[in-house]
Amino acid sequence: MSNYLVAVTGGIGSGKSTVIKIIKELGFAVFSADEVYKTLLEDSEFFNGVLSSVGVKFNGDKKQSLKEVSAIVFSNKEALKALNEYTHPKIMRKMLELSKGQGGVVFNEVPLLFEGGYESFYNKVIIILRDRQKRVESVSIRDNLTKEEIENRIKNQFDYENNKIFKHTVIYNDSSILELEQKVKAVVNEIIKKA
């Protein structure tokens, strides 16, 4: 079953999940790295690997242990690197396996696409760009984080503003949800023609 794989990526708060939701509503198969990660965490071997990759001891409370992991990785680049090296290959393997079982045009939401060097797995890459201030506001409301915490996370991500990303398809999330929907539909229609 042949398929055409499309990655959707962008920085924290750029609107990737909103774009993926629009694509899903258009009737396409969609898989999210974050959702795959949550599913993998149900496997005790993977969960224990996540904790031990950053030196956290399981305290009997799964949620609390994962909060501890988050607190460590967003203030320590080496810990973040260790966590990513453990989780990313497993998440990507599972997501690509799920995608290949679909056939046709399949979309993957991959937050750390460039950081992990995974762009070569995809026929097309869509990058969502958004004004930094709006990203911070959005994440602050969504995740109840401070401006400093969000800026820390942005600093640890691929720098979309200063990298040569324009060989890929870029969608600017800079207006209303209605306009974003129109932009996404236009891009998806172009993909269908080429796939």
C-alpha atoms as a PDB file:
ATOM      1  CA  MET A   1       0.000   0.000   0.000  1.00  0.00           C
ATOM      2  CA  SER A   2       1.823   3.111  -1.140  1.00  0.00           C
ATOM      3  CA  ASN A   3       1.387   6.404   0.610  1.00  0.00           C
ATOM      4  CA  TYR A   4       2.507   9.998   0.544  1.00  0.00           C
ATOM      5  CA  LEU A   5       3.754  11.196   3.934  1.00  0.00           C
ATOM      6  CA  VAL A   6       3.451  14.827   5.002  1.00  0.00           C
ATOM      7  CA  ALA A   7       5.017  16.221   8.186  1.00  0.00           C
ATOM      8  CA  VAL A   8       3.478  19.214   9.943  1.00  0.00           C
ATOM      9  CA  THR A   9       5.904  21.007  12.235  1.00  0.00           C
ATOM     10  CA  GLY A  10       6.603  24.365  13.891  1.00  0.00           C
ATOM     11  CA  GLY A  11       7.649  25.811  17.233  1.00  0.00           C
ATOM     12  CA  ILE A  12       5.700  25.584  20.483  1.00  0.00           C
ATOM     13  CA  GLY A  13       2.471  27.609  20.253  1.00  0.00           C
ATOM     14  CA  SER A  14       2.668  28.021  16.465  1.00  0.00           C
ATOM     15  CA  GLY A  15      -0.679  26.295  15.880  1.00  0.00           C
ATOM     16  CA  LYS A  16       0.401  22.830  14.688  1.00  0.00           C
ATOM     17  CA  SER A  17      -2.413  21.087  16.556  1.00  0.00           C
ATOM     18  CA  THR A  18      -5.003  23.464  15.104  1.00  0.00           C
ATOM     19  CA  VAL A  19      -3.682  22.813  11.583  1.00  0.00           C
ATOM     20  CA  ILE A  20      -3.712  19.046  12.200  1.00  0.00           C
ATOM     21  CA  LYS A  21      -7.316  19.320  13.476  1.00  0.00           C
ATOM     22  CA  ILE A  22      -8.331  21.132  10.262  1.00  0.00           C
ATOM     23  CA  ILE A  23      -6.612  18.439   8.143  1.00  0.00           C
ATOM     24  CA  LYS A  24      -8.340  15.688  10.134  1.00  0.00           C
ATOM     25  CA  GLU A  25     -11.709  17.393   9.558  1.00  0.00           C
ATOM     26  CA  LEU A  26     -10.929  17.309   5.819  1.00  0.00           C
ATOM     27  CA  GLY A  27     -10.959  13.519   6.148  1.00  0.00           C
ATOM     28  CA  PHE A  28      -7.247  12.667   6.079  1.00  0.00           C
ATOM     29  CA  ALA A  29      -5.411  10.141   8.252  1.00  0.00           C
ATOM     30  CA  VAL A  30      -3.472  12.036  10.887  1.00  0.00           C
ATOM     31  CA  PHE A  31      -0.970  10.887  13.535  1.00  0.00           C
ATOM     32  CA  SER A  32       0.603  13.068  16.212  1.00  0.00           C
ATOM     33  CA  ALA A  33       3.983  12.456  17.853  1.00  0.00           C
ATOM     34  CA  ASP A  34       2.542  13.726  21.153  1.00  0.00           C
ATOM     35  CA  GLU A  35      -0.369  11.258  20.971  1.00  0.00           C
ATOM     36  CA  VAL A  36       1.981   8.384  20.080  1.00  0.00           C
ATOM     37  CA  TYR A  37       4.207   9.376  23.033  1.00  0.00           C
ATOM     38  CA  LYS A  38       1.196   9.272  25.398  1.00  0.00           C
ATOM     39  CA  THR A  39       0.278   5.808  24.106  1.00  0.00           C
ATOM     40  CA  LEU A  40       3.860   4.563  24.486  1.00  0.00           C
ATOM     41  CA  LEU A  41       3.930   5.819  28.094  1.00  0.00           C
ATOM     42  CA  GLU A  42       1.313   3.157  28.896  1.00  0.00           C
ATOM     43  CA  ASP A  43       4.047   0.578  28.236  1.00  0.00           C
ATOM     44  CA  SER A  44       5.990   0.162  31.502  1.00  0.00           C
ATOM     45  CA  GLU A  45       9.314  -0.523  29.761  1.00  0.00           C
ATOM     46  CA  PHE A  46       9.065   2.732  27.760  1.00  0.00           C
ATOM     47  CA  PHE A  47       7.860   4.698  30.817  1.00  0.00           C
ATOM     48  CA  ASN A  48      10.764   3.425  32.949  1.00  0.00           C
ATOM     49  CA  GLY A  49      13.161   4.246  30.104  1.00  0.00           C
ATOM     50  CA  VAL A  50      11.873   7.835  30.044  1.00  0.00           C
ATOM     51  CA  LEU A  51      12.530   8.211  33.779  1.00  0.00           C
ATOM     52  CA  SER A  52      15.945   6.556  33.790  1.00  0.00           C
ATOM     53  CA  SER A  53      17.103   8.561  30.718  1.00  0.00           C
ATOM     54  CA  VAL A  54      17.131  11.658  32.955  1.00  0.00           C
ATOM     55  CA  GLY A  55      17.839   9.967  36.304  1.00  0.00           C
ATOM     56  CA  VAL A  56      14.366  10.170  37.869  1.00  0.00           C
ATOM     57  CA  LYS A  57      13.346   7.432  40.316  1.00  0.00           C
ATOM     58  CA  PHE A  58       9.710   6.284  40.092  1.00  0.00           C
ATOM     59  CA  ASN A  59       7.881   7.458  43.219  1.00  0.00           C
ATOM     60  CA  GLY A  60       4.676   5.459  42.675  1.00  0.00           C
ATOM     61  CA  ASP A  61       2.867   8.408  41.055  1.00  0.00           C
ATOM     62  CA  LYS A  62       3.123   8.338  37.264  1.00  0.00           C
ATOM     63  CA  LYS A  63       1.901  11.923  36.745  1.00  0.00           C
ATOM     64  CA  GLN A  64       4.240  13.340  39.387  1.00  0.00           C
ATOM     65  CA  SER A  65       7.223  11.413  38.008  1.00  0.00           C
ATOM     66  CA  LEU A  66       6.585  12.798  34.501  1.00  0.00           C
ATOM     67  CA  LYS A  67       6.291  16.333  35.941  1.00  0.00           C
ATOM     68  CA  GLU A  68       9.724  15.787  37.497  1.00  0.00           C
ATOM     69  CA  VAL A  69      11.091  14.735  34.085  1.00  0.00           C
ATOM     70  CA  SER A  70       9.638  17.930  32.502  1.00  0.00           C
ATOM     71  CA  ALA A  71      11.111  20.166  35.193  1.00  0.00           C
ATOM     72  CA  ILE A  72      14.570  18.627  34.655  1.00  0.00           C
ATOM     73  CA  VAL A  73      14.649  18.651  30.842  1.00  0.00           C
ATOM     74  CA  PHE A  74      13.488  22.234  30.400  1.00  0.00           C
ATOM     75  CA  SER A  75      16.276  23.557  32.603  1.00  0.00           C
ATOM     76  CA  ASN A  76      19.036  21.160  31.514  1.00  0.00           C
ATOM     77  CA  LYS A  77      20.056  20.781  27.861  1.00  0.00           C
ATOM     78  CA  GLU A  78      21.995  17.553  28.447  1.00  0.00           C
ATOM     79  CA  ALA A  79      18.986  15.918  30.116  1.00  0.00           C
ATOM     80  CA  LEU A  80      16.737  17.061  27.266  1.00  0.00           C
ATOM     81  CA  LYS A  81      19.175  15.564  24.759  1.00  0.00           C
ATOM     82  CA  ALA A  82      19.230  12.261  26.683  1.00  0.00           C
ATOM     83  CA  LEU A  83      15.420  12.138  26.835  1.00  0.00           C
ATOM     84  CA  ASN A  84      15.072  12.932  23.119  1.00  0.00           C
ATOM     85  CA  GLU A  85      17.657  10.318  22.172  1.00  0.00           C
ATOM     86  CA  TYR A  86      15.664   7.712  24.067  1.00  0.00           C
ATOM     87  CA  THR A  87      12.115   8.702  23.039  1.00  0.00           C
ATOM     88  CA  HIS A  88      12.351  10.123  19.494  1.00  0.00           C
ATOM     89  CA  PRO A  89      13.420   7.013  17.563  1.00  0.00           C
ATOM     90  CA  LYS A  90      10.708   4.958  19.307  1.00  0.00           C
ATOM     91  CA  ILE A  91       7.994   7.578  18.708  1.00  0.00           C
ATOM     92  CA  MET A  92       8.972   8.026  15.059  1.00  0.00           C
ATOM     93  CA  ARG A  93       9.162   4.273  14.424  1.00  0.00           C
ATOM     94  CA  LYS A  94       5.660   3.779  15.844  1.00  0.00           C
ATOM     95  CA  MET A  95       4.179   6.791  14.031  1.00  0.00           C
ATOM     96  CA  LEU A  96       5.663   5.793  10.654  1.00  0.00           C
ATOM     97  CA  GLU A  97       4.449   2.233  11.171  1.00  0.00           C
ATOM     98  CA  LEU A  98       0.894   3.516  11.846  1.00  0.00           C
ATOM     99  CA  SER A  99       1.092   5.857   8.836  1.00  0.00           C
ATOM    100  CA  LYS A 100       2.293   3.191   6.442  1.00  0.00           C
ATOM    101  CA  GLY A 101      -0.671   1.034   7.397  1.00  0.00           C
ATOM    102  CA  GLN A 102      -2.995   3.686   5.976  1.00  0.00           C
ATOM    103  CA  GLY A 103      -2.130   4.211   2.306  1.00  0.00           C
ATOM    104  CA  GLY A 104      -2.869   7.466   0.454  1.00  0.00           C
ATOM    105  CA  VAL A 105      -1.899  10.892   1.806  1.00  0.00           C
ATOM    106  CA  VAL A 106      -1.086  10.715   5.538  1.00  0.00           C
ATOM    107  CA  PHE A 107      -0.195  13.649   7.800  1.00  0.00           C
ATOM    108  CA  ASN A 108       2.071  13.491  10.868  1.00  0.00           C
ATOM    109  CA  GLU A 109       2.382  16.205  13.498  1.00  0.00           C
ATOM    110  CA  VAL A 110       6.107  16.142  14.335  1.00  0.00           C
ATOM    111  CA  PRO A 111       7.133  18.954  16.740  1.00  0.00           C
ATOM    112  CA  LEU A 112      10.874  18.115  16.686  1.00  0.00           C
ATOM    113  CA  LEU A 113      11.211  17.192  13.014  1.00  0.00           C
ATOM    114  CA  PHE A 114      14.403  19.149  12.258  1.00  0.00           C
ATOM    115  CA  GLU A 115      15.982  18.614  15.683  1.00  0.00           C
ATOM    116  CA  GLY A 116      15.766  14.862  15.121  1.00  0.00           C
ATOM    117  CA  GLY A 117      16.747  15.000  11.432  1.00  0.00           C
ATOM    118  CA  TYR A 118      13.525  13.235  10.419  1.00  0.00           C
ATOM    119  CA  GLU A 119      12.554  15.402   7.437  1.00  0.00           C
ATOM    120  CA  SER A 120      14.002  12.831   5.002  1.00  0.00           C
ATOM    121  CA  PHE A 121      11.233  10.366   5.970  1.00  0.00           C
ATOM    122  CA  TYR A 122       8.633  12.664   4.426  1.00  0.00           C
ATOM    123  CA  ASN A 123       7.561  13.480   0.881  1.00  0.00           C
ATOM    124  CA  LYS A 124       6.586  16.972   2.019  1.00  0.00           C
ATOM    125  CA  VAL A 125       7.077  19.206   5.055  1.00  0.00           C
ATOM    126  CA  ILE A 126       4.637  21.927   6.151  1.00  0.00           C
ATOM    127  CA  ILE A 127       5.991  24.477   8.636  1.00  0.00           C
ATOM    128  CA  ILE A 128       3.626  26.600  10.717  1.00  0.00           C
ATOM    129  CA  LEU A 129       5.029  30.028  11.597  1.00  0.00           C
ATOM    130  CA  ARG A 130       3.493  32.477  14.053  1.00  0.00           C
ATOM    131  CA  ASP A 131       4.486  35.715  15.747  1.00  0.00           C
ATOM    132  CA  ARG A 132       6.588  34.933  18.859  1.00  0.00           C
ATOM    133  CA  GLN A 133       4.468  37.089  21.183  1.00  0.00           C
ATOM    134  CA  LYS A 134       1.282  35.296  20.083  1.00  0.00           C
ATOM    135  CA  ARG A 135       2.999  31.943  20.595  1.00  0.00           C
ATOM    136  CA  VAL A 136       3.941  32.877  24.171  1.00  0.00           C
ATOM    137  CA  GLU A 137       0.388  34.123  24.921  1.00  0.00           C
ATOM    138  CA  SER A 138      -1.167  30.971  23.459  1.00  0.00           C
ATOM    139  CA  VAL A 139       1.061  28.547  25.413  1.00  0.00           C
ATOM    140  CA  SER A 140       0.658  30.586  28.605  1.00  0.00           C
ATOM    141  CA  ILE A 141      -3.137  30.129  28.415  1.00  0.00           C
ATOM    142  CA  ARG A 142      -2.993  26.504  27.214  1.00  0.00           C
ATOM    143  CA  ASP A 143      -0.349  25.112  29.598  1.00  0.00           C
ATOM    144  CA  ASN A 144      -0.512  27.607  32.468  1.00  0.00           C
ATOM    145  CA  LEU A 145       3.238  28.356  32.176  1.00  0.00           C
ATOM    146  CA  THR A 146       5.142  31.560  32.925  1.00  0.00           C
ATOM    147  CA  LYS A 147       6.628  33.680  30.113  1.00  0.00           C
ATOM    148  CA  GLU A 148      10.113  32.615  31.303  1.00  0.00           C
ATOM    149  CA  GLU A 149       9.229  28.891  31.155  1.00  0.00           C
ATOM    150  CA  ILE A 150       7.854  29.290  27.619  1.00  0.00           C
ATOM    151  CA  GLU A 151      10.883  31.295  26.429  1.00  0.00           C
ATOM    152  CA  ASN A 152      13.109  28.506  27.829  1.00  0.00           C
ATOM    153  CA  ARG A 153      11.221  25.941  25.750  1.00  0.00           C
ATOM    154  CA  ILE A 154      11.423  28.124  22.628  1.00  0.00           C
ATOM    155  CA  LYS A 155      15.203  28.461  23.125  1.00  0.00           C
ATOM    156  CA  ASN A 156      15.542  24.656  23.228  1.00  0.00           C
ATOM    157  CA  GLN A 157      13.712  24.242  19.915  1.00  0.00           C
ATOM    158  CA  PHE A 158      14.777  24.561  16.293  1.00  0.00           C
ATOM    159  CA  ASP A 159      15.066  28.257  15.348  1.00  0.00           C
ATOM    160  CA  TYR A 160      12.508  28.567  12.549  1.00  0.00           C
ATOM    161  CA  GLU A 161      13.042  32.321  12.204  1.00  0.00           C
ATOM    162  CA  ASN A 162      16.766  32.055  11.425  1.00  0.00           C
ATOM    163  CA  ASN A 163      17.043  28.869   9.414  1.00  0.00           C
ATOM    164  CA  LYS A 164      16.617  28.240   5.711  1.00  0.00           C
ATOM    165  CA  ILE A 165      13.191  26.654   5.844  1.00  0.00           C
ATOM    166  CA  PHE A 166      11.760  28.095   2.667  1.00  0.00           C
ATOM    167  CA  LYS A 167      12.404  25.033   0.522  1.00  0.00           C
ATOM    168  CA  HIS A 168       9.460  23.651   2.497  1.00  0.00           C
ATOM    169  CA  THR A 169       5.819  24.794   2.474  1.00  0.00           C
ATOM    170  CA  VAL A 170       5.271  27.541   5.044  1.00  0.00           C
ATOM    171  CA  ILE A 171       1.878  28.511   6.449  1.00  0.00           C
ATOM    172  CA  TYR A 172       1.733  31.785   8.382  1.00  0.00           C
ATOM    173  CA  ASN A 173      -0.682  31.526  11.290  1.00  0.00           C
ATOM    174  CA  ASP A 174      -1.058  35.291  11.550  1.00  0.00           C
ATOM    175  CA  SER A 175      -4.775  36.015  11.285  1.00  0.00           C
ATOM    176  CA  SER A 176      -8.166  34.469  12.063  1.00  0.00           C
ATOM    177  CA  ILE A 177      -8.939  30.759  12.365  1.00  0.00           C
ATOM    178  CA  LEU A 178     -11.067  31.094   9.230  1.00  0.00           C
ATOM    179  CA  GLU A 179      -8.109  32.420   7.237  1.00  0.00           C
ATOM    180  CA  LEU A 180      -5.893  29.676   8.634  1.00  0.00           C
ATOM    181  CA  GLU A 181      -8.449  27.098   7.471  1.00  0.00           C
ATOM    182  CA  GLN A 182      -8.385  28.585   3.963  1.00  0.00           C
ATOM    183  CA  LYS A 183      -4.579  28.510   3.857  1.00  0.00           C
ATOM    184  CA  VAL A 184      -4.504  24.890   5.037  1.00  0.00           C
ATOM    185  CA  LYS A 185      -7.132  23.832   2.465  1.00  0.00           C
ATOM    186  CA  ALA A 186      -5.141  25.505  -0.333  1.00  0.00           C
ATOM    187  CA  VAL A 187      -1.941  23.690   0.705  1.00  0.00           C
ATOM    188  CA  VAL A 188      -3.733  20.345   1.062  1.00  0.00           C
ATOM    189  CA  ASN A 189      -5.284  20.741  -2.418  1.00  0.00           C
ATOM    190  CA  GLU A 190      -1.802  21.322  -3.874  1.00  0.00           C
ATOM    191  CA  ILE A 191      -0.511  18.194  -2.121  1.00  0.00           C
ATOM    192  CA  ILE A 192      -3.369  16.067  -3.479  1.00  0.00           C
ATOM    193  CA  LYS A 193      -2.500  17.170  -7.029  1.00  0.00           C
ATOM    194  CA  LYS A 194       1.143  16.081  -6.610  1.00  0.00           C
ATOM    195  CA  ALA A 195       0.686  12.947  -4.469  1.00  0.00           C
END
